PDB file of N, CA and C in Angstrom:
ATOM      1  N   MET A   1     -89.870-180.149-197.558  1.00  0.00           N
ATOM      2  CA  MET A   1     -89.680-178.905-197.066  1.00  0.00           C
ATOM      3  C   MET A   1     -88.498-178.739-196.506  1.00  0.00           C
ATOM      4  N   VAL A   2     -87.734-178.009-196.729  1.00  0.00           N
ATOM      5  CA  VAL A   2     -86.250-177.529-195.980  1.00  0.00           C
ATOM      6  C   VAL A   2     -86.557-176.305-195.083  1.00  0.00           C
ATOM      7  N   LEU A   3     -85.867-176.638-193.678  1.00  0.00           N
ATOM      8  CA  LEU A   3     -86.024-175.739-192.680  1.00  0.00           C
ATOM      9  C   LEU A   3     -84.703-174.757-192.976  1.00  0.00           C
ATOM     10  N   ARG A   4     -85.115-173.610-192.556  1.00  0.00           N
ATOM     11  CA  ARG A   4     -83.704-172.608-192.875  1.00  0.00           C
ATOM     12  C   ARG A   4     -83.732-172.210-191.596  1.00  0.00           C
ATOM     13  N   LEU A   5     -82.541-171.936-191.112  1.00  0.00           N
ATOM     14  CA  LEU A   5     -81.961-171.438-190.071  1.00  0.00           C
ATOM     15  C   LEU A   5     -82.037-169.688-190.121  1.00  0.00           C
ATOM     16  N   SER A   6     -82.058-169.117-189.080  1.00  0.00           N
ATOM     17  CA  SER A   6     -82.081-167.508-189.301  1.00  0.00           C
ATOM     18  C   SER A   6     -80.663-167.147-189.212  1.00  0.00           C
ATOM     19  N   ILE A   7     -80.044-165.883-189.532  1.00  0.00           N
ATOM     20  CA  ILE A   7     -78.847-165.418-189.473  1.00  0.00           C
ATOM     21  C   ILE A   7     -78.309-165.456-187.849  1.00  0.00           C
ATOM     22  N   LYS A   8     -79.281-165.242-186.891  1.00  0.00           N
ATOM     23  CA  LYS A   8     -78.563-164.851-185.561  1.00  0.00           C
ATOM     24  C   LYS A   8     -78.655-166.445-184.938  1.00  0.00           C
ATOM     25  N   VAL A   9     -79.598-167.322-185.452  1.00  0.00           N
ATOM     26  CA  VAL A   9     -79.491-168.887-184.973  1.00  0.00           C
ATOM     27  C   VAL A   9     -78.119-169.182-185.359  1.00  0.00           C
ATOM     28  N   ARG A  10     -77.962-169.114-186.737  1.00  0.00           N
ATOM     29  CA  ARG A  10     -76.242-169.710-187.281  1.00  0.00           C
ATOM     30  C   ARG A  10     -74.989-168.980-186.443  1.00  0.00           C
ATOM     31  N   ARG A  11     -75.533-167.657-186.590  1.00  0.00           N
ATOM     32  CA  ARG A  11     -74.079-166.934-185.783  1.00  0.00           C
ATOM     33  C   ARG A  11     -74.087-167.342-184.226  1.00  0.00           C
ATOM     34  N   ASN A  12     -74.884-167.756-183.588  1.00  0.00           N
ATOM     35  CA  ASN A  12     -75.143-167.922-182.180  1.00  0.00           C
ATOM     36  C   ASN A  12     -74.177-169.590-182.227  1.00  0.00           C
ATOM     37  N   ARG A  13     -75.029-170.387-182.806  1.00  0.00           N
ATOM     38  CA  ARG A  13     -74.004-171.832-183.172  1.00  0.00           C
ATOM     39  C   ARG A  13     -72.459-171.701-183.563  1.00  0.00           C
ATOM     40  N   ARG A  14     -72.329-170.655-184.330  1.00  0.00           N
ATOM     41  CA  ARG A  14     -70.885-170.599-184.738  1.00  0.00           C
ATOM     42  C   ARG A  14     -70.123-170.046-183.607  1.00  0.00           C
ATOM     43  N   ARG A  15     -70.402-168.967-182.927  1.00  0.00           N
ATOM     44  CA  ARG A  15     -69.809-168.315-181.843  1.00  0.00           C
ATOM     45  C   ARG A  15     -69.442-169.339-180.619  1.00  0.00           C
ATOM     46  N   ILE A  16     -70.572-170.171-180.390  1.00  0.00           N
ATOM     47  CA  ILE A  16     -70.707-171.277-179.417  1.00  0.00           C
ATOM     48  C   ILE A  16     -69.522-172.475-179.994  1.00  0.00           C
ATOM     49  N   ASP A  17     -69.713-173.180-180.972  1.00  0.00           N
ATOM     50  CA  ASP A  17     -68.849-173.997-181.655  1.00  0.00           C
ATOM     51  C   ASP A  17     -67.460-173.865-182.029  1.00  0.00           C
ATOM     52  N   GLN A  18     -67.260-172.412-182.368  1.00  0.00           N
ATOM     53  CA  GLN A  18     -65.908-172.114-182.488  1.00  0.00           C
ATOM     54  C   GLN A  18     -64.483-172.262-181.600  1.00  0.00           C
ATOM     55  N   PRO A  19     -64.776-172.024-180.545  1.00  0.00           N
ATOM     56  CA  PRO A  19     -63.859-172.154-179.374  1.00  0.00           C
ATOM     57  C   PRO A  19     -63.312-173.875-179.506  1.00  0.00           C
ATOM     58  N   LYS A  20     -64.547-174.456-179.251  1.00  0.00           N
ATOM     59  CA  LYS A  20     -64.153-176.067-179.158  1.00  0.00           C
ATOM     60  C   LYS A  20     -63.323-176.573-180.763  1.00  0.00           C
ATOM     61  N   THR A  21     -64.202-176.026-181.813  1.00  0.00           N
ATOM     62  CA  THR A  21     -63.081-176.477-182.680  1.00  0.00           C
ATOM     63  C   THR A  21     -61.826-175.898-183.119  1.00  0.00           C
ATOM     64  N   ALA A  22     -61.600-174.916-182.545  1.00  0.00           N
ATOM     65  CA  ALA A  22     -60.201-174.040-182.558  1.00  0.00           C
ATOM     66  C   ALA A  22     -59.357-174.949-181.571  1.00  0.00           C
ATOM     67  N   ALA A  23     -59.798-175.235-180.628  1.00  0.00           N
ATOM     68  CA  ALA A  23     -59.005-176.101-179.472  1.00  0.00           C
ATOM     69  C   ALA A  23     -58.739-177.342-180.044  1.00  0.00           C
ATOM     70  N   GLU A  24     -59.752-178.340-181.111  1.00  0.00           N
ATOM     71  CA  GLU A  24     -59.440-179.545-181.456  1.00  0.00           C
ATOM     72  C   GLU A  24     -58.265-179.353-182.682  1.00  0.00           C
ATOM     73  N   ASN A  25     -58.392-178.388-183.382  1.00  0.00           N
ATOM     74  CA  ASN A  25     -57.474-178.113-184.559  1.00  0.00           C
ATOM     75  C   ASN A  25     -56.411-177.690-183.949  1.00  0.00           C
ATOM     76  N   HIS A  26     -55.911-177.090-182.848  1.00  0.00           N
ATOM     77  CA  HIS A  26     -54.804-176.381-182.465  1.00  0.00           C
ATOM     78  C   HIS A  26     -54.169-178.007-181.990  1.00  0.00           C
ATOM     79  N   ALA A  27     -54.584-178.772-181.274  1.00  0.00           N
ATOM     80  CA  ALA A  27     -53.819-179.869-180.965  1.00  0.00           C
ATOM     81  C   ALA A  27     -53.234-180.679-182.178  1.00  0.00           C
ATOM     82  N   ARG A  28     -54.187-181.066-183.140  1.00  0.00           N
ATOM     83  CA  ARG A  28     -53.935-181.624-184.218  1.00  0.00           C
ATOM     84  C   ARG A  28     -53.038-180.917-185.264  1.00  0.00           C
ATOM     85  N   LYS A  29     -53.153-179.874-185.252  1.00  0.00           N
ATOM     86  CA  LYS A  29     -51.973-178.976-186.085  1.00  0.00           C
ATOM     87  C   LYS A  29     -50.773-178.770-185.198  1.00  0.00           C
ATOM     88  N   THR A  30     -50.463-178.836-184.108  1.00  0.00           N
ATOM     89  CA  THR A  30     -49.262-178.834-183.232  1.00  0.00           C
ATOM     90  C   THR A  30     -48.556-179.930-183.699  1.00  0.00           C
ATOM     91  N   GLY A  31     -49.109-181.499-183.453  1.00  0.00           N
ATOM     92  CA  GLY A  31     -48.542-182.475-183.719  1.00  0.00           C
ATOM     93  C   GLY A  31     -48.145-182.480-185.324  1.00  0.00           C
ATOM     94  N   GLU A  32     -48.836-182.173-186.560  1.00  0.00           N
ATOM     95  CA  GLU A  32     -48.517-182.188-187.431  1.00  0.00           C
ATOM     96  C   GLU A  32     -47.278-181.370-187.870  1.00  0.00           C
ATOM     97  N   ARG A  33     -47.185-180.363-187.087  1.00  0.00           N
ATOM     98  CA  ARG A  33     -46.152-179.422-187.181  1.00  0.00           C
ATOM     99  C   ARG A  33     -44.762-180.241-186.875  1.00  0.00           C
ATOM    100  N   VAL A  34     -44.554-180.733-185.798  1.00  0.00           N
ATOM    101  CA  VAL A  34     -43.807-181.554-185.364  1.00  0.00           C
ATOM    102  C   VAL A  34     -43.332-182.616-186.353  1.00  0.00           C
ATOM    103  N   ARG A  35     -44.388-183.463-186.749  1.00  0.00           N
ATOM    104  CA  ARG A  35     -43.769-184.526-187.844  1.00  0.00           C
ATOM    105  C   ARG A  35     -43.619-183.837-189.060  1.00  0.00           C
ATOM    106  N   ARG A  36     -43.924-182.398-189.534  1.00  0.00           N
ATOM    107  CA  ARG A  36     -43.354-182.022-191.018  1.00  0.00           C
ATOM    108  C   ARG A  36     -42.325-181.492-190.419  1.00  0.00           C
ATOM    109  N   ASP A  37     -41.847-181.018-189.719  1.00  0.00           N
ATOM    110  CA  ASP A  37     -40.180-180.469-189.294  1.00  0.00           C
ATOM    111  C   ASP A  37     -39.573-181.569-189.316  1.00  0.00           C
ATOM    112  N   ALA A  38     -39.620-182.893-188.437  1.00  0.00           N
ATOM    113  CA  ALA A  38     -39.017-183.988-188.712  1.00  0.00           C
ATOM    114  C   ALA A  38     -38.779-184.411-190.128  1.00  0.00           C
ATOM    115  N   ARG A  39     -39.712-184.485-190.956  1.00  0.00           N
ATOM    116  CA  ARG A  39     -39.593-184.967-192.102  1.00  0.00           C
ATOM    117  C   ARG A  39     -38.778-184.097-192.787  1.00  0.00           C
ATOM    118  N   MET A  40     -38.646-182.681-192.979  1.00  0.00           N
ATOM    119  CA  MET A  40     -38.241-181.750-193.640  1.00  0.00           C
ATOM    120  C   MET A  40     -36.726-181.670-193.062  1.00  0.00           C
ATOM    121  N   ILE A  41     -36.476-182.059-191.897  1.00  0.00           N
ATOM    122  CA  ILE A  41     -34.899-182.102-191.830  1.00  0.00           C
ATOM    123  C   ILE A  41     -34.430-183.325-192.200  1.00  0.00           C
ATOM    124  N   GLU A  42     -34.976-184.130-192.394  1.00  0.00           N
ATOM    125  CA  GLU A  42     -34.498-185.649-192.740  1.00  0.00           C
ATOM    126  C   GLU A  42     -34.136-185.445-194.572  1.00  0.00           C
ATOM    127  N   LYS A  43     -35.161-184.230-195.325  1.00  0.00           N
ATOM    128  CA  LYS A  43     -35.127-184.301-196.653  1.00  0.00           C
ATOM    129  C   LYS A  43     -33.818-183.473-196.796  1.00  0.00           C
ATOM    130  N   VAL A  44     -33.650-182.440-195.719  1.00  0.00           N
ATOM    131  CA  VAL A  44     -32.447-181.490-195.787  1.00  0.00           C
ATOM    132  C   VAL A  44     -31.092-182.124-195.769  1.00  0.00           C
ATOM    133  N   ARG A  45     -31.230-182.867-194.882  1.00  0.00           N
ATOM    134  CA  ARG A  45     -29.685-183.637-194.399  1.00  0.00           C
ATOM    135  C   ARG A  45     -29.306-184.567-195.945  1.00  0.00           C
ATOM    136  N   ALA A  46     -30.334-185.174-196.202  1.00  0.00           N
ATOM    137  CA  ALA A  46     -30.226-186.285-197.548  1.00  0.00           C
ATOM    138  C   ALA A  46     -29.672-185.303-198.680  1.00  0.00           C
ATOM    139  N   GLY A  47     -29.984-184.383-198.834  1.00  0.00           N
ATOM    140  CA  GLY A  47     -29.973-183.359-200.461  1.00  0.00           C
ATOM    141  C   GLY A  47     -29.051-182.282-200.058  1.00  0.00           C
ATOM    142  N   SER A  48     -29.174-181.328-201.250  1.00  0.00           N
ATOM    143  CA  SER A  48     -28.267-179.993-200.797  1.00  0.00           C
ATOM    144  C   SER A  48     -29.060-179.270-201.917  1.00  0.00           C
ATOM    145  N   LEU A  49     -28.602-177.858-201.741  1.00  0.00           N
ATOM    146  CA  LEU A  49     -29.330-176.671-202.515  1.00  0.00           C
ATOM    147  C   LEU A  49     -29.176-177.020-203.979  1.00  0.00           C
ATOM    148  N   PRO A  50     -30.234-176.634-204.735  1.00  0.00           N
ATOM    149  CA  PRO A  50     -31.546-176.234-204.538  1.00  0.00           C
ATOM    150  C   PRO A  50     -32.120-177.671-204.026  1.00  0.00           C
ATOM    151  N   TYR A  51     -33.114-177.248-203.247  1.00  0.00           N
ATOM    152  CA  TYR A  51     -34.154-178.593-202.761  1.00  0.00           C
ATOM    153  C   TYR A  51     -35.163-178.401-203.620  1.00  0.00           C
ATOM    154  N   THR A  52     -36.347-179.431-203.408  1.00  0.00           N
ATOM    155  CA  THR A  52     -37.582-179.240-203.942  1.00  0.00           C
ATOM    156  C   THR A  52     -38.494-177.851-203.514  1.00  0.00           C
ATOM    157  N   PRO A  53     -39.453-177.752-204.321  1.00  0.00           N
ATOM    158  CA  PRO A  53     -39.935-176.549-203.927  1.00  0.00           C
ATOM    159  C   PRO A  53     -40.618-176.387-202.482  1.00  0.00           C
ATOM    160  N   VAL A  54     -40.773-177.730-202.210  1.00  0.00           N
ATOM    161  CA  VAL A  54     -41.738-177.828-200.781  1.00  0.00           C
ATOM    162  C   VAL A  54     -40.646-177.946-199.517  1.00  0.00           C
ATOM    163  N   VAL A  55     -39.619-178.378-199.760  1.00  0.00           N
ATOM    164  CA  VAL A  55     -38.297-178.095-198.913  1.00  0.00           C
ATOM    165  C   VAL A  55     -37.955-176.449-198.717  1.00  0.00           C
ATOM    166  N   MET A  56     -37.845-176.003-199.996  1.00  0.00           N
ATOM    167  CA  MET A  56     -37.577-174.548-199.928  1.00  0.00           C
ATOM    168  C   MET A  56     -38.256-173.503-199.344  1.00  0.00           C
ATOM    169  N   SER A  57     -39.587-174.295-199.551  1.00  0.00           N
ATOM    170  CA  SER A  57     -40.584-173.202-198.940  1.00  0.00           C
ATOM    171  C   SER A  57     -40.702-173.009-197.272  1.00  0.00           C
ATOM    172  N   TRP A  58     -40.629-174.372-197.158  1.00  0.00           N
ATOM    173  CA  TRP A  58     -40.423-174.972-195.276  1.00  0.00           C
ATOM    174  C   TRP A  58     -39.001-174.146-194.892  1.00  0.00           C
ATOM    175  N   LEU A  59     -37.907-174.171-195.564  1.00  0.00           N
ATOM    176  CA  LEU A  59     -36.706-173.318-195.392  1.00  0.00           C
ATOM    177  C   LEU A  59     -36.956-172.094-195.331  1.00  0.00           C
ATOM    178  N   SER A  60     -37.914-171.508-196.291  1.00  0.00           N
ATOM    179  CA  SER A  60     -37.781-169.980-196.114  1.00  0.00           C
ATOM    180  C   SER A  60     -38.525-169.685-194.912  1.00  0.00           C
ATOM    181  N   THR A  61     -39.435-170.411-194.608  1.00  0.00           N
ATOM    182  CA  THR A  61     -40.398-170.008-193.504  1.00  0.00           C
ATOM    183  C   THR A  61     -39.347-170.239-192.243  1.00  0.00           C
ATOM    184  N   LYS A  62     -38.907-171.093-191.976  1.00  0.00           N
ATOM    185  CA  LYS A  62     -37.994-171.348-190.771  1.00  0.00           C
ATOM    186  C   LYS A  62     -36.617-170.257-191.057  1.00  0.00           C
ATOM    187  N   CYS A  63     -36.187-169.879-192.029  1.00  0.00           N
ATOM    188  CA  CYS A  63     -35.045-168.650-191.929  1.00  0.00           C
ATOM    189  C   CYS A  63     -35.536-167.433-192.028  1.00  0.00           C
ATOM    190  N   ALA A  64     -36.767-167.132-192.469  1.00  0.00           N
ATOM    191  CA  ALA A  64     -37.203-165.928-192.583  1.00  0.00           C
ATOM    192  C   ALA A  64     -36.664-165.114-193.514  1.00  0.00           C
ATOM    193  N   LYS A  65     -36.707-166.090-194.426  1.00  0.00           N
ATOM    194  CA  LYS A  65     -35.832-165.455-195.708  1.00  0.00           C
ATOM    195  C   LYS A  65     -36.413-165.793-197.126  1.00  0.00           C
ATOM    196  N   LYS A  66     -36.304-165.051-198.288  1.00  0.00           N
ATOM    197  CA  LYS A  66     -36.865-165.629-199.735  1.00  0.00           C
ATOM    198  C   LYS A  66     -35.838-166.727-200.178  1.00  0.00           C
ATOM    199  N   ALA A  67     -36.540-167.787-200.655  1.00  0.00           N
ATOM    200  CA  ALA A  67     -36.147-168.986-200.892  1.00  0.00           C
ATOM    201  C   ALA A  67     -34.736-168.555-201.762  1.00  0.00           C
ATOM    202  N   SER A  68     -34.975-167.549-202.484  1.00  0.00           N
ATOM    203  CA  SER A  68     -33.735-167.537-203.498  1.00  0.00           C
ATOM    204  C   SER A  68     -32.179-166.869-202.560  1.00  0.00           C
ATOM    205  N   ARG A  69     -32.821-166.426-201.397  1.00  0.00           N
ATOM    206  CA  ARG A  69     -31.804-165.852-200.399  1.00  0.00           C
ATOM    207  C   ARG A  69     -30.834-166.846-199.541  1.00  0.00           C
ATOM    208  N   ILE A  70     -31.669-167.951-199.680  1.00  0.00           N
ATOM    209  CA  ILE A  70     -31.110-168.850-198.555  1.00  0.00           C
ATOM    210  C   ILE A  70     -29.804-169.671-199.070  1.00  0.00           C
ATOM    211  N   THR A  71     -28.461-169.610-198.078  1.00  0.00           N
ATOM    212  CA  THR A  71     -27.432-169.996-198.337  1.00  0.00           C
ATOM    213  C   THR A  71     -27.255-171.437-197.455  1.00  0.00           C
ATOM    214  N   PRO A  72     -26.106-172.080-198.091  1.00  0.00           N
ATOM    215  CA  PRO A  72     -25.753-173.232-197.282  1.00  0.00           C
ATOM    216  C   PRO A  72     -25.459-173.111-195.689  1.00  0.00           C
ATOM    217  N   ASP A  73     -24.723-171.816-195.169  1.00  0.00           N
ATOM    218  CA  ASP A  73     -24.685-171.505-194.327  1.00  0.00           C
ATOM    219  C   ASP A  73     -25.962-171.385-193.546  1.00  0.00           C
ATOM    220  N   ASP A  74     -27.277-170.646-194.117  1.00  0.00           N
ATOM    221  CA  ASP A  74     -28.294-170.839-193.268  1.00  0.00           C
ATOM    222  C   ASP A  74     -28.931-172.538-192.920  1.00  0.00           C
ATOM    223  N   VAL A  75     -28.806-173.214-193.941  1.00  0.00           N
ATOM    224  CA  VAL A  75     -29.503-174.363-193.909  1.00  0.00           C
ATOM    225  C   VAL A  75     -28.374-175.178-192.490  1.00  0.00           C
ATOM    226  N   ASN A  76     -26.965-175.178-192.633  1.00  0.00           N
ATOM    227  CA  ASN A  76     -26.448-175.542-191.634  1.00  0.00           C
ATOM    228  C   ASN A  76     -26.790-175.158-189.996  1.00  0.00           C
ATOM    229  N   ALA A  77     -26.830-173.896-190.273  1.00  0.00           N
ATOM    230  CA  ALA A  77     -27.528-173.415-188.910  1.00  0.00           C
ATOM    231  C   ALA A  77     -28.950-173.910-188.391  1.00  0.00           C
ATOM    232  N   LEU A  78     -29.819-173.982-189.565  1.00  0.00           N
ATOM    233  CA  LEU A  78     -30.978-174.779-189.075  1.00  0.00           C
ATOM    234  C   LEU A  78     -31.157-176.206-188.525  1.00  0.00           C
ATOM    235  N   ILE A  79     -30.301-176.639-189.247  1.00  0.00           N
ATOM    236  CA  ILE A  79     -30.255-178.481-188.874  1.00  0.00           C
ATOM    237  C   ILE A  79     -29.430-178.842-187.778  1.00  0.00           C
ATOM    238  N   VAL A  80     -28.659-177.503-187.250  1.00  0.00           N
ATOM    239  CA  VAL A  80     -27.558-178.147-186.066  1.00  0.00           C
ATOM    240  C   VAL A  80     -28.520-178.421-184.670  1.00  0.00           C
TER     241      VAL A  80
END
């Protein structure tokens, strides 16, 4: 026999658990962002345009530009 929770009970549990989960994820994701930035900067320093799609996506986010519009000057300004 399977006991099913009512929608109200599930929503209450989610409302209570969500802030705790968000706080745990925030700490973990912040650390991962720092590690990813360090990894990407190493790859940028080791190569030249055009980079792999992963690096270009990261550069695009950091420069707030489309990947096709990123210039070597943008990359140099970012890694300094």
